Amino acid sequence: MKAILWTGFARRAFRAFPAKVRSRIEAKLMRYAETGTGDVRVLLPGPGRRLRVGDYRVIFVETNEVIEIRAVGHRRDIYR
């Protein structure tokens, strides 16, 4: 399983979500970290990827050992 690291910006945005949304995002992140499965796409241009969790998106960069969460937000706001 890969370690999950959060940037300060992403952690603050994550804490602002309702508890039900946070638990769904955490479950999807843990599943992806353990198995590598999930609704993940490569973002172009650049090294980032996004994980889809309903109407929410998690933007991250992945290495062999770590998944670094860069941003979390609603789909209407996250790509701005």
C-alpha atoms as a PDB file:
ATOM      1  CA  MET A   1       0.000   0.000   0.000  1.00  0.00           C
ATOM      2  CA  LYS A   2       1.226   3.464  -0.864  1.00  0.00           C
ATOM      3  CA  ALA A   3       1.417   6.246   1.703  1.00  0.00           C
ATOM      4  CA  ILE A   4      -1.013   9.146   1.279  1.00  0.00           C
ATOM      5  CA  LEU A   5       0.352  12.639   1.934  1.00  0.00           C
ATOM      6  CA  TRP A   6      -1.753  15.811   1.917  1.00  0.00           C
ATOM      7  CA  THR A   7      -0.654  19.345   1.104  1.00  0.00           C
ATOM      8  CA  GLY A   8      -1.886  22.005   3.528  1.00  0.00           C
ATOM      9  CA  PHE A   9      -4.186  23.474   0.891  1.00  0.00           C
ATOM     10  CA  ALA A  10      -5.788  20.100   0.156  1.00  0.00           C
ATOM     11  CA  ARG A  11      -6.191  19.239   3.855  1.00  0.00           C
ATOM     12  CA  ARG A  12      -7.990  22.533   4.585  1.00  0.00           C
ATOM     13  CA  ALA A  13     -10.339  22.054   1.630  1.00  0.00           C
ATOM     14  CA  PHE A  14     -11.031  18.457   2.695  1.00  0.00           C
ATOM     15  CA  ARG A  15     -11.933  19.453   6.263  1.00  0.00           C
ATOM     16  CA  ALA A  16     -14.581  21.868   4.952  1.00  0.00           C
ATOM     17  CA  PHE A  17     -16.632  19.040   3.384  1.00  0.00           C
ATOM     18  CA  PRO A  18     -19.536  17.331   5.182  1.00  0.00           C
ATOM     19  CA  ALA A  19     -18.605  14.170   7.092  1.00  0.00           C
ATOM     20  CA  LYS A  20     -20.421  11.905   4.621  1.00  0.00           C
ATOM     21  CA  VAL A  21     -18.430  13.299   1.675  1.00  0.00           C
ATOM     22  CA  ARG A  22     -15.138  13.046   3.595  1.00  0.00           C
ATOM     23  CA  SER A  23     -15.756   9.381   4.394  1.00  0.00           C
ATOM     24  CA  ARG A  24     -16.548   8.586   0.733  1.00  0.00           C
ATOM     25  CA  ILE A  25     -13.368  10.334  -0.434  1.00  0.00           C
ATOM     26  CA  GLU A  26     -11.234   8.598   2.199  1.00  0.00           C
ATOM     27  CA  ALA A  27     -12.666   5.191   1.237  1.00  0.00           C
ATOM     28  CA  LYS A  28     -11.926   5.740  -2.477  1.00  0.00           C
ATOM     29  CA  LEU A  29      -8.404   6.992  -1.707  1.00  0.00           C
ATOM     30  CA  MET A  30      -7.641   3.984   0.499  1.00  0.00           C
ATOM     31  CA  ARG A  31      -8.967   1.616  -2.164  1.00  0.00           C
ATOM     32  CA  TYR A  32      -6.810   3.260  -4.815  1.00  0.00           C
ATOM     33  CA  ALA A  33      -3.718   3.234  -2.563  1.00  0.00           C
ATOM     34  CA  GLU A  34      -4.170  -0.476  -1.824  1.00  0.00           C
ATOM     35  CA  THR A  35      -5.268  -1.856  -5.196  1.00  0.00           C
ATOM     36  CA  GLY A  36      -4.656   0.819  -7.824  1.00  0.00           C
ATOM     37  CA  THR A  37      -8.284   0.645  -8.936  1.00  0.00           C
ATOM     38  CA  GLY A  38     -10.716   3.515  -9.201  1.00  0.00           C
ATOM     39  CA  ASP A  39     -11.971   6.152 -11.610  1.00  0.00           C
ATOM     40  CA  VAL A  40      -8.549   7.737 -12.198  1.00  0.00           C
ATOM     41  CA  ARG A  41      -7.443   9.670 -15.274  1.00  0.00           C
ATOM     42  CA  VAL A  42      -4.193  11.364 -16.231  1.00  0.00           C
ATOM     43  CA  LEU A  43      -4.393  15.160 -16.369  1.00  0.00           C
ATOM     44  CA  LEU A  44      -2.660  16.805 -19.293  1.00  0.00           C
ATOM     45  CA  PRO A  45      -0.380  18.698 -19.401  1.00  0.00           C
ATOM     46  CA  GLY A  46       1.683  17.704 -16.413  1.00  0.00           C
ATOM     47  CA  PRO A  47       2.284  14.810 -14.046  1.00  0.00           C
ATOM     48  CA  GLY A  48      -1.055  14.968 -12.192  1.00  0.00           C
ATOM     49  CA  ARG A  49      -3.957  12.569 -12.013  1.00  0.00           C
ATOM     50  CA  ARG A  50      -7.529  12.915 -10.802  1.00  0.00           C
ATOM     51  CA  LEU A  51      -9.723  10.549  -8.829  1.00  0.00           C
ATOM     52  CA  ARG A  52     -13.475  10.922  -9.321  1.00  0.00           C
ATOM     53  CA  VAL A  53     -15.691  10.490  -6.248  1.00  0.00           C
ATOM     54  CA  GLY A  54     -19.233  11.379  -7.329  1.00  0.00           C
ATOM     55  CA  ASP A  55     -19.329  15.162  -7.857  1.00  0.00           C
ATOM     56  CA  TYR A  56     -15.942  15.603  -6.161  1.00  0.00           C
ATOM     57  CA  ARG A  57     -12.431  15.311  -7.559  1.00  0.00           C
ATOM     58  CA  VAL A  58      -9.098  14.571  -5.920  1.00  0.00           C
ATOM     59  CA  ILE A  59      -6.045  15.901  -7.781  1.00  0.00           C
ATOM     60  CA  PHE A  60      -2.830  14.054  -6.928  1.00  0.00           C
ATOM     61  CA  VAL A  61       0.681  13.155  -8.030  1.00  0.00           C
ATOM     62  CA  GLU A  62       1.767   9.545  -7.653  1.00  0.00           C
ATOM     63  CA  THR A  63       5.217   8.015  -7.232  1.00  0.00           C
ATOM     64  CA  ASN A  64       6.246   4.431  -6.469  1.00  0.00           C
ATOM     65  CA  GLU A  65       5.824   4.923  -2.713  1.00  0.00           C
ATOM     66  CA  VAL A  66       3.600   7.983  -2.210  1.00  0.00           C
ATOM     67  CA  ILE A  67       0.336   9.516  -3.359  1.00  0.00           C
ATOM     68  CA  GLU A  68       0.531  13.276  -2.756  1.00  0.00           C
ATOM     69  CA  ILE A  69      -2.900  14.920  -2.659  1.00  0.00           C
ATOM     70  CA  ARG A  70      -2.622  18.421  -4.149  1.00  0.00           C
ATOM     71  CA  ALA A  71      -6.282  19.538  -4.275  1.00  0.00           C
ATOM     72  CA  VAL A  72      -9.779  18.327  -3.402  1.00  0.00           C
ATOM     73  CA  GLY A  73     -12.992  19.985  -4.501  1.00  0.00           C
ATOM     74  CA  HIS A  74     -16.316  19.949  -6.278  1.00  0.00           C
ATOM     75  CA  ARG A  75     -16.095  19.235  -9.986  1.00  0.00           C
ATOM     76  CA  ARG A  76     -17.357  22.714 -10.921  1.00  0.00           C
ATOM     77  CA  ASP A  77     -14.486  24.407  -9.028  1.00  0.00           C
ATOM     78  CA  ILE A  78     -11.502  22.054  -8.996  1.00  0.00           C
ATOM     79  CA  TYR A  79     -10.135  22.679 -12.494  1.00  0.00           C
ATOM     80  CA  ARG A  80     -10.026  26.489 -12.199  1.00  0.00           C
END
